[in-house]
Amino acid sequence: MADRSGTCQDGRRRTRPDAVALVAGLLSLLVAAAGLTGTGPWEVVDVRWLLAGTAVVAGIAFLVASVRNSRGATDD
């Protein structure tokens, strides 16, 4: 039977990576690289394409989140 309690076999708690912290870290690295090189991503990439790409990624993320099985242990 699968263990759904959120702990590993040795008793440690399983943790999931934090997506918001990952994105914030990647953005901060991008800003730091732009500061070091003196050129920003806005000079290389057209902002309209960046917004369109962001919308596509967000749409895919929403679709994946809606397809995931959201049924868990209920308190009923």
PDB file of N, CA and C in Angstrom:
ATOM      1  N   MET A   1       0.846  -1.170   0.000  1.00  0.00           N
ATOM      2  CA  MET A   1       0.000   0.000   0.000  1.00  0.00           C
ATOM      3  C   MET A   1       0.897   1.240   0.000  1.00  0.00           C
ATOM      4  N   ALA A   2       0.524   2.243  -0.749  1.00  0.00           N
ATOM      5  CA  ALA A   2       1.329   3.451  -0.845  1.00  0.00           C
ATOM      6  C   ALA A   2       1.204   4.289   0.420  1.00  0.00           C
ATOM      7  N   ASP A   3       2.328   4.870   0.799  1.00  0.00           N
ATOM      8  CA  ASP A   3       2.355   5.731   1.981  1.00  0.00           C
ATOM      9  C   ASP A   3       1.982   7.146   1.564  1.00  0.00           C
ATOM     10  N   ARG A   4       0.849   7.646   2.018  1.00  0.00           N
ATOM     11  CA  ARG A   4       0.390   8.989   1.654  1.00  0.00           C
ATOM     12  C   ARG A   4       0.502   9.968   2.813  1.00  0.00           C
ATOM     13  N   SER A   5       1.282   9.616   3.819  1.00  0.00           N
ATOM     14  CA  SER A   5       1.365  10.471   4.999  1.00  0.00           C
ATOM     15  C   SER A   5       2.334  11.633   4.818  1.00  0.00           C
ATOM     16  N   GLY A   6       3.134  11.618   3.738  1.00  0.00           N
ATOM     17  CA  GLY A   6       4.060  12.714   3.507  1.00  0.00           C
ATOM     18  C   GLY A   6       5.400  12.512   4.171  1.00  0.00           C
ATOM     19  N   THR A   7       5.705  11.287   4.595  1.00  0.00           N
ATOM     20  CA  THR A   7       7.005  11.019   5.203  1.00  0.00           C
ATOM     21  C   THR A   7       7.696   9.900   4.438  1.00  0.00           C
ATOM     22  N   CYS A   8       9.018   9.916   4.464  1.00  0.00           N
ATOM     23  CA  CYS A   8       9.808   8.866   3.840  1.00  0.00           C
ATOM     24  C   CYS A   8       9.865   7.666   4.774  1.00  0.00           C
ATOM     25  N   GLN A   9      10.470   6.598   4.304  1.00  0.00           N
ATOM     26  CA  GLN A   9      10.553   5.387   5.109  1.00  0.00           C
ATOM     27  C   GLN A   9      11.415   5.583   6.349  1.00  0.00           C
ATOM     28  N   ASP A  10      12.412   6.463   6.266  1.00  0.00           N
ATOM     29  CA  ASP A  10      13.274   6.674   7.432  1.00  0.00           C
ATOM     30  C   ASP A  10      12.722   7.735   8.379  1.00  0.00           C
ATOM     31  N   GLY A  11      11.508   8.217   8.152  1.00  0.00           N
ATOM     32  CA  GLY A  11      10.852   9.137   9.078  1.00  0.00           C
ATOM     33  C   GLY A  11      10.975  10.604   8.716  1.00  0.00           C
ATOM     34  N   ARG A  12      11.808  10.915   7.724  1.00  0.00           N
ATOM     35  CA  ARG A  12      11.929  12.320   7.329  1.00  0.00           C
ATOM     36  C   ARG A  12      10.717  12.736   6.505  1.00  0.00           C
ATOM     37  N   ARG A  13      10.374  13.997   6.592  1.00  0.00           N
ATOM     38  CA  ARG A  13       9.223  14.514   5.842  1.00  0.00           C
ATOM     39  C   ARG A  13       9.659  14.836   4.419  1.00  0.00           C
ATOM     40  N   ARG A  14       8.839  14.398   3.453  1.00  0.00           N
ATOM     41  CA  ARG A  14       9.109  14.714   2.052  1.00  0.00           C
ATOM     42  C   ARG A  14       8.711  16.150   1.777  1.00  0.00           C
ATOM     43  N   THR A  15       9.551  16.853   1.054  1.00  0.00           N
ATOM     44  CA  THR A  15       9.231  18.232   0.695  1.00  0.00           C
ATOM     45  C   THR A  15       9.238  18.358  -0.819  1.00  0.00           C
ATOM     46  N   ARG A  16       8.373  19.203  -1.315  1.00  0.00           N
ATOM     47  CA  ARG A  16       8.307  19.478  -2.738  1.00  0.00           C
ATOM     48  C   ARG A  16       9.059  20.762  -3.017  1.00  0.00           C
ATOM     49  N   PRO A  17       9.671  20.871  -4.190  1.00  0.00           N
ATOM     50  CA  PRO A  17      10.347  22.127  -4.525  1.00  0.00           C
ATOM     51  C   PRO A  17       9.341  23.268  -4.641  1.00  0.00           C
ATOM     52  N   ASP A  18       9.755  24.433  -4.239  1.00  0.00           N
ATOM     53  CA  ASP A  18       8.898  25.608  -4.279  1.00  0.00           C
ATOM     54  C   ASP A  18       9.049  26.286  -5.638  1.00  0.00           C
ATOM     55  N   ALA A  19       8.008  26.239  -6.462  1.00  0.00           N
ATOM     56  CA  ALA A  19       8.068  26.774  -7.818  1.00  0.00           C
ATOM     57  C   ALA A  19       8.235  28.291  -7.819  1.00  0.00           C
ATOM     58  N   VAL A  20       7.594  28.972  -6.894  1.00  0.00           N
ATOM     59  CA  VAL A  20       7.695  30.440  -6.838  1.00  0.00           C
ATOM     60  C   VAL A  20       9.121  30.857  -6.509  1.00  0.00           C
ATOM     61  N   ALA A  21       9.747  30.175  -5.556  1.00  0.00           N
ATOM     62  CA  ALA A  21      11.124  30.494  -5.200  1.00  0.00           C
ATOM     63  C   ALA A  21      12.072  30.188  -6.354  1.00  0.00           C
ATOM     64  N   LEU A  22      11.808  29.113  -7.099  1.00  0.00           N
ATOM     65  CA  LEU A  22      12.634  28.775  -8.248  1.00  0.00           C
ATOM     66  C   LEU A  22      12.555  29.850  -9.321  1.00  0.00           C
ATOM     67  N   VAL A  23      11.349  30.294  -9.632  1.00  0.00           N
ATOM     68  CA  VAL A  23      11.174  31.342 -10.644  1.00  0.00           C
ATOM     69  C   VAL A  23      11.815  32.652 -10.183  1.00  0.00           C
ATOM     70  N   ALA A  24      11.632  32.998  -8.918  1.00  0.00           N
ATOM     71  CA  ALA A  24      12.233  34.224  -8.392  1.00  0.00           C
ATOM     72  C   ALA A  24      13.758  34.140  -8.446  1.00  0.00           C
ATOM     73  N   GLY A  25      14.305  32.974  -8.141  1.00  0.00           N
ATOM     74  CA  GLY A  25      15.756  32.800  -8.212  1.00  0.00           C
ATOM     75  C   GLY A  25      16.277  32.933  -9.630  1.00  0.00           C
ATOM     76  N   LEU A  26      15.562  32.333 -10.593  1.00  0.00           N
ATOM     77  CA  LEU A  26      15.980  32.443 -11.988  1.00  0.00           C
ATOM     78  C   LEU A  26      15.890  33.882 -12.487  1.00  0.00           C
ATOM     79  N   LEU A  27      14.836  34.581 -12.089  1.00  0.00           N
ATOM     80  CA  LEU A  27      14.714  35.988 -12.486  1.00  0.00           C
ATOM     81  C   LEU A  27      15.815  36.844 -11.879  1.00  0.00           C
ATOM     82  N   SER A  28      16.173  36.565 -10.635  1.00  0.00           N
ATOM     83  CA  SER A  28      17.244  37.341 -10.011  1.00  0.00           C
ATOM     84  C   SER A  28      18.581  37.060 -10.682  1.00  0.00           C
ATOM     85  N   LEU A  29      18.805  35.809 -11.118  1.00  0.00           N
ATOM     86  CA  LEU A  29      20.027  35.516 -11.875  1.00  0.00           C
ATOM     87  C   LEU A  29      20.041  36.252 -13.209  1.00  0.00           C
ATOM     88  N   LEU A  30      18.889  36.351 -13.845  1.00  0.00           N
ATOM     89  CA  LEU A  30      18.786  37.072 -15.107  1.00  0.00           C
ATOM     90  C   LEU A  30      19.093  38.559 -14.915  1.00  0.00           C
ATOM     91  N   VAL A  31      18.558  39.136 -13.863  1.00  0.00           N
ATOM     92  CA  VAL A  31      18.825  40.549 -13.576  1.00  0.00           C
ATOM     93  C   VAL A  31      20.301  40.767 -13.243  1.00  0.00           C
ATOM     94  N   ALA A  32      20.887  39.834 -12.475  1.00  0.00           N
ATOM     95  CA  ALA A  32      22.306  39.948 -12.134  1.00  0.00           C
ATOM     96  C   ALA A  32      23.178  39.848 -13.390  1.00  0.00           C
ATOM     97  N   ALA A  33      22.842  38.932 -14.297  1.00  0.00           N
ATOM     98  CA  ALA A  33      23.603  38.799 -15.539  1.00  0.00           C
ATOM     99  C   ALA A  33      23.465  40.052 -16.393  1.00  0.00           C
ATOM    100  N   ALA A  34      22.266  40.639 -16.409  1.00  0.00           N
ATOM    101  CA  ALA A  34      22.058  41.872 -17.165  1.00  0.00           C
ATOM    102  C   ALA A  34      22.877  43.009 -16.564  1.00  0.00           C
ATOM    103  N   GLY A  35      22.973  43.045 -15.244  1.00  0.00           N
ATOM    104  CA  GLY A  35      23.770  44.085 -14.598  1.00  0.00           C
ATOM    105  C   GLY A  35      25.250  43.921 -14.861  1.00  0.00           C
ATOM    106  N   LEU A  36      25.722  42.680 -14.894  1.00  0.00           N
ATOM    107  CA  LEU A  36      27.144  42.438 -15.137  1.00  0.00           C
ATOM    108  C   LEU A  36      27.546  42.720 -16.576  1.00  0.00           C
ATOM    109  N   THR A  37      26.698  42.361 -17.518  1.00  0.00           N
ATOM    110  CA  THR A  37      27.035  42.532 -18.931  1.00  0.00           C
ATOM    111  C   THR A  37      26.690  43.913 -19.455  1.00  0.00           C
ATOM    112  N   GLY A  38      25.820  44.615 -18.796  1.00  0.00           N
ATOM    113  CA  GLY A  38      25.437  45.943 -19.245  1.00  0.00           C
ATOM    114  C   GLY A  38      24.319  45.935 -20.273  1.00  0.00           C
ATOM    115  N   THR A  39      23.847  44.765 -20.642  1.00  0.00           N
ATOM    116  CA  THR A  39      22.719  44.672 -21.568  1.00  0.00           C
ATOM    117  C   THR A  39      21.606  43.901 -20.893  1.00  0.00           C
ATOM    118  N   GLY A  40      20.421  44.346 -21.113  1.00  0.00           N
ATOM    119  CA  GLY A  40      19.278  43.679 -20.519  1.00  0.00           C
ATOM    120  C   GLY A  40      18.596  42.773 -21.514  1.00  0.00           C
ATOM    121  N   PRO A  41      17.790  41.856 -21.024  1.00  0.00           N
ATOM    122  CA  PRO A  41      17.067  40.970 -21.944  1.00  0.00           C
ATOM    123  C   PRO A  41      16.080  41.736 -22.815  1.00  0.00           C
ATOM    124  N   TRP A  42      15.662  42.899 -22.382  1.00  0.00           N
ATOM    125  CA  TRP A  42      14.723  43.706 -23.157  1.00  0.00           C
ATOM    126  C   TRP A  42      15.387  44.263 -24.412  1.00  0.00           C
ATOM    127  N   GLU A  43      16.728  44.280 -24.458  1.00  0.00           N
ATOM    128  CA  GLU A  43      17.427  44.751 -25.656  1.00  0.00           C
ATOM    129  C   GLU A  43      17.625  43.635 -26.664  1.00  0.00           C
ATOM    130  N   VAL A  44      17.508  42.391 -26.221  1.00  0.00           N
ATOM    131  CA  VAL A  44      17.729  41.240 -27.090  1.00  0.00           C
ATOM    132  C   VAL A  44      16.409  40.627 -27.536  1.00  0.00           C
ATOM    133  N   VAL A  45      15.453  40.531 -26.608  1.00  0.00           N
ATOM    134  CA  VAL A  45      14.180  39.873 -26.874  1.00  0.00           C
ATOM    135  C   VAL A  45      13.087  40.932 -26.985  1.00  0.00           C
ATOM    136  N   ASP A  46      12.226  40.780 -27.991  1.00  0.00           N
ATOM    137  CA  ASP A  46      11.086  41.671 -28.125  1.00  0.00           C
ATOM    138  C   ASP A  46      10.091  41.376 -26.990  1.00  0.00           C
ATOM    139  N   VAL A  47       9.645  42.407 -26.304  1.00  0.00           N
ATOM    140  CA  VAL A  47       8.771  42.248 -25.148  1.00  0.00           C
ATOM    141  C   VAL A  47       7.460  41.561 -25.539  1.00  0.00           C
ATOM    142  N   ARG A  48       6.979  41.794 -26.732  1.00  0.00           N
ATOM    143  CA  ARG A  48       5.732  41.162 -27.164  1.00  0.00           C
ATOM    144  C   ARG A  48       5.885  39.646 -27.229  1.00  0.00           C
ATOM    145  N   TRP A  49       7.023  39.162 -27.719  1.00  0.00           N
ATOM    146  CA  TRP A  49       7.258  37.718 -27.762  1.00  0.00           C
ATOM    147  C   TRP A  49       7.426  37.163 -26.353  1.00  0.00           C
ATOM    148  N   LEU A  50       8.043  37.931 -25.487  1.00  0.00           N
ATOM    149  CA  LEU A  50       8.208  37.499 -24.100  1.00  0.00           C
ATOM    150  C   LEU A  50       6.843  37.355 -23.418  1.00  0.00           C
ATOM    151  N   LEU A  51       5.957  38.310 -23.632  1.00  0.00           N
ATOM    152  CA  LEU A  51       4.613  38.223 -23.063  1.00  0.00           C
ATOM    153  C   LEU A  51       3.825  37.058 -23.651  1.00  0.00           C
ATOM    154  N   ALA A  52       3.956  36.839 -24.954  1.00  0.00           N
ATOM    155  CA  ALA A  52       3.260  35.724 -25.583  1.00  0.00           C
ATOM    156  C   ALA A  52       3.780  34.390 -25.045  1.00  0.00           C
ATOM    157  N   GLY A  53       5.078  34.267 -24.893  1.00  0.00           N
ATOM    158  CA  GLY A  53       5.653  33.040 -24.343  1.00  0.00           C
ATOM    159  C   GLY A  53       5.226  32.806 -22.911  1.00  0.00           C
ATOM    160  N   THR A  54       5.157  33.871 -22.131  1.00  0.00           N
ATOM    161  CA  THR A  54       4.699  33.761 -20.744  1.00  0.00           C
ATOM    162  C   THR A  54       3.248  33.301 -20.693  1.00  0.00           C
ATOM    163  N   ALA A  55       2.426  33.818 -21.583  1.00  0.00           N
ATOM    164  CA  ALA A  55       1.022  33.410 -21.623  1.00  0.00           C
ATOM    165  C   ALA A  55       0.887  31.938 -22.002  1.00  0.00           C
ATOM    166  N   VAL A  56       1.713  31.471 -22.930  1.00  0.00           N
ATOM    167  CA  VAL A  56       1.662  30.060 -23.319  1.00  0.00           C
ATOM    168  C   VAL A  56       2.076  29.171 -22.151  1.00  0.00           C
ATOM    169  N   VAL A  57       3.161  29.529 -21.483  1.00  0.00           N
ATOM    170  CA  VAL A  57       3.636  28.730 -20.343  1.00  0.00           C
ATOM    171  C   VAL A  57       2.594  28.724 -19.222  1.00  0.00           C
ATOM    172  N   ALA A  58       2.001  29.872 -18.940  1.00  0.00           N
ATOM    173  CA  ALA A  58       0.976  29.935 -17.902  1.00  0.00           C
ATOM    174  C   ALA A  58      -0.247  29.102 -18.285  1.00  0.00           C
ATOM    175  N   GLY A  59      -0.645  29.144 -19.547  1.00  0.00           N
ATOM    176  CA  GLY A  59      -1.776  28.334 -19.997  1.00  0.00           C
ATOM    177  C   GLY A  59      -1.515  26.844 -19.856  1.00  0.00           C
ATOM    178  N   ILE A  60      -0.311  26.417 -20.219  1.00  0.00           N
ATOM    179  CA  ILE A  60       0.049  25.006 -20.063  1.00  0.00           C
ATOM    180  C   ILE A  60       0.057  24.622 -18.591  1.00  0.00           C
ATOM    181  N   ALA A  61       0.582  25.492 -17.743  1.00  0.00           N
ATOM    182  CA  ALA A  61       0.613  25.203 -16.306  1.00  0.00           C
ATOM    183  C   ALA A  61      -0.809  25.079 -15.751  1.00  0.00           C
ATOM    184  N   PHE A  62      -1.709  25.942 -16.190  1.00  0.00           N
ATOM    185  CA  PHE A  62      -3.099  25.864 -15.726  1.00  0.00           C
ATOM    186  C   PHE A  62      -3.770  24.583 -16.204  1.00  0.00           C
ATOM    187  N   LEU A  63      -3.497  24.181 -17.446  1.00  0.00           N
ATOM    188  CA  LEU A  63      -4.066  22.938 -17.949  1.00  0.00           C
ATOM    189  C   LEU A  63      -3.555  21.733 -17.174  1.00  0.00           C
ATOM    190  N   VAL A  64      -2.267  21.703 -16.915  1.00  0.00           N
ATOM    191  CA  VAL A  64      -1.692  20.591 -16.152  1.00  0.00           C
ATOM    192  C   VAL A  64      -2.266  20.561 -14.746  1.00  0.00           C
ATOM    193  N   ALA A  65      -2.424  21.716 -14.132  1.00  0.00           N
ATOM    194  CA  ALA A  65      -2.980  21.774 -12.778  1.00  0.00           C
ATOM    195  C   ALA A  65      -4.430  21.316 -12.755  1.00  0.00           C
ATOM    196  N   SER A  66      -5.185  21.599 -13.802  1.00  0.00           N
ATOM    197  CA  SER A  66      -6.584  21.184 -13.816  1.00  0.00           C
ATOM    198  C   SER A  66      -6.743  19.697 -14.106  1.00  0.00           C
ATOM    199  N   VAL A  67      -5.787  19.088 -14.782  1.00  0.00           N
ATOM    200  CA  VAL A  67      -5.866  17.677 -15.119  1.00  0.00           C
ATOM    201  C   VAL A  67      -5.411  16.800 -13.957  1.00  0.00           C
ATOM    202  N   ARG A  68      -4.550  17.325 -13.113  1.00  0.00           N
ATOM    203  CA  ARG A  68      -4.042  16.540 -11.986  1.00  0.00           C
ATOM    204  C   ARG A  68      -5.186  16.065 -11.118  1.00  0.00           C
ATOM    205  N   ASN A  69      -4.994  14.906 -10.525  1.00  0.00           N
ATOM    206  CA  ASN A  69      -6.007  14.343  -9.639  1.00  0.00           C
ATOM    207  C   ASN A  69      -6.021  15.128  -8.338  1.00  0.00           C
ATOM    208  N   SER A  70      -7.075  15.855  -8.101  1.00  0.00           N
ATOM    209  CA  SER A  70      -7.144  16.691  -6.903  1.00  0.00           C
ATOM    210  C   SER A  70      -7.830  15.985  -5.760  1.00  0.00           C
ATOM    211  N   ARG A  71      -8.250  14.731  -5.975  1.00  0.00           N
ATOM    212  CA  ARG A  71      -8.905  13.998  -4.900  1.00  0.00           C
ATOM    213  C   ARG A  71      -7.875  13.528  -3.902  1.00  0.00           C
ATOM    214  N   GLY A  72      -8.100  13.833  -2.662  1.00  0.00           N
ATOM    215  CA  GLY A  72      -7.225  13.380  -1.606  1.00  0.00           C
ATOM    216  C   GLY A  72      -8.064  12.868  -0.456  1.00  0.00           C
ATOM    217  N   ALA A  73      -7.451  12.759   0.677  1.00  0.00           N
ATOM    218  CA  ALA A  73      -8.191  12.330   1.857  1.00  0.00           C
ATOM    219  C   ALA A  73      -9.169  13.433   2.263  1.00  0.00           C
ATOM    220  N   THR A  74     -10.426  13.099   2.392  1.00  0.00           N
ATOM    221  CA  THR A  74     -11.428  14.086   2.760  1.00  0.00           C
ATOM    222  C   THR A  74     -11.742  13.963   4.254  1.00  0.00           C
ATOM    223  N   ASP A  75     -12.265  15.019   4.779  1.00  0.00           N
ATOM    224  CA  ASP A  75     -12.621  15.052   6.195  1.00  0.00           C
ATOM    225  C   ASP A  75     -14.084  14.704   6.421  1.00  0.00           C
ATOM    226  N   ASP A  76     -14.755  14.163   5.413  1.00  0.00           N
ATOM    227  CA  ASP A  76     -16.181  13.841   5.551  1.00  0.00           C
ATOM    228  C   ASP A  76     -16.426  12.691   6.485  1.00  0.00           C
TER     229      ASP A  76
END
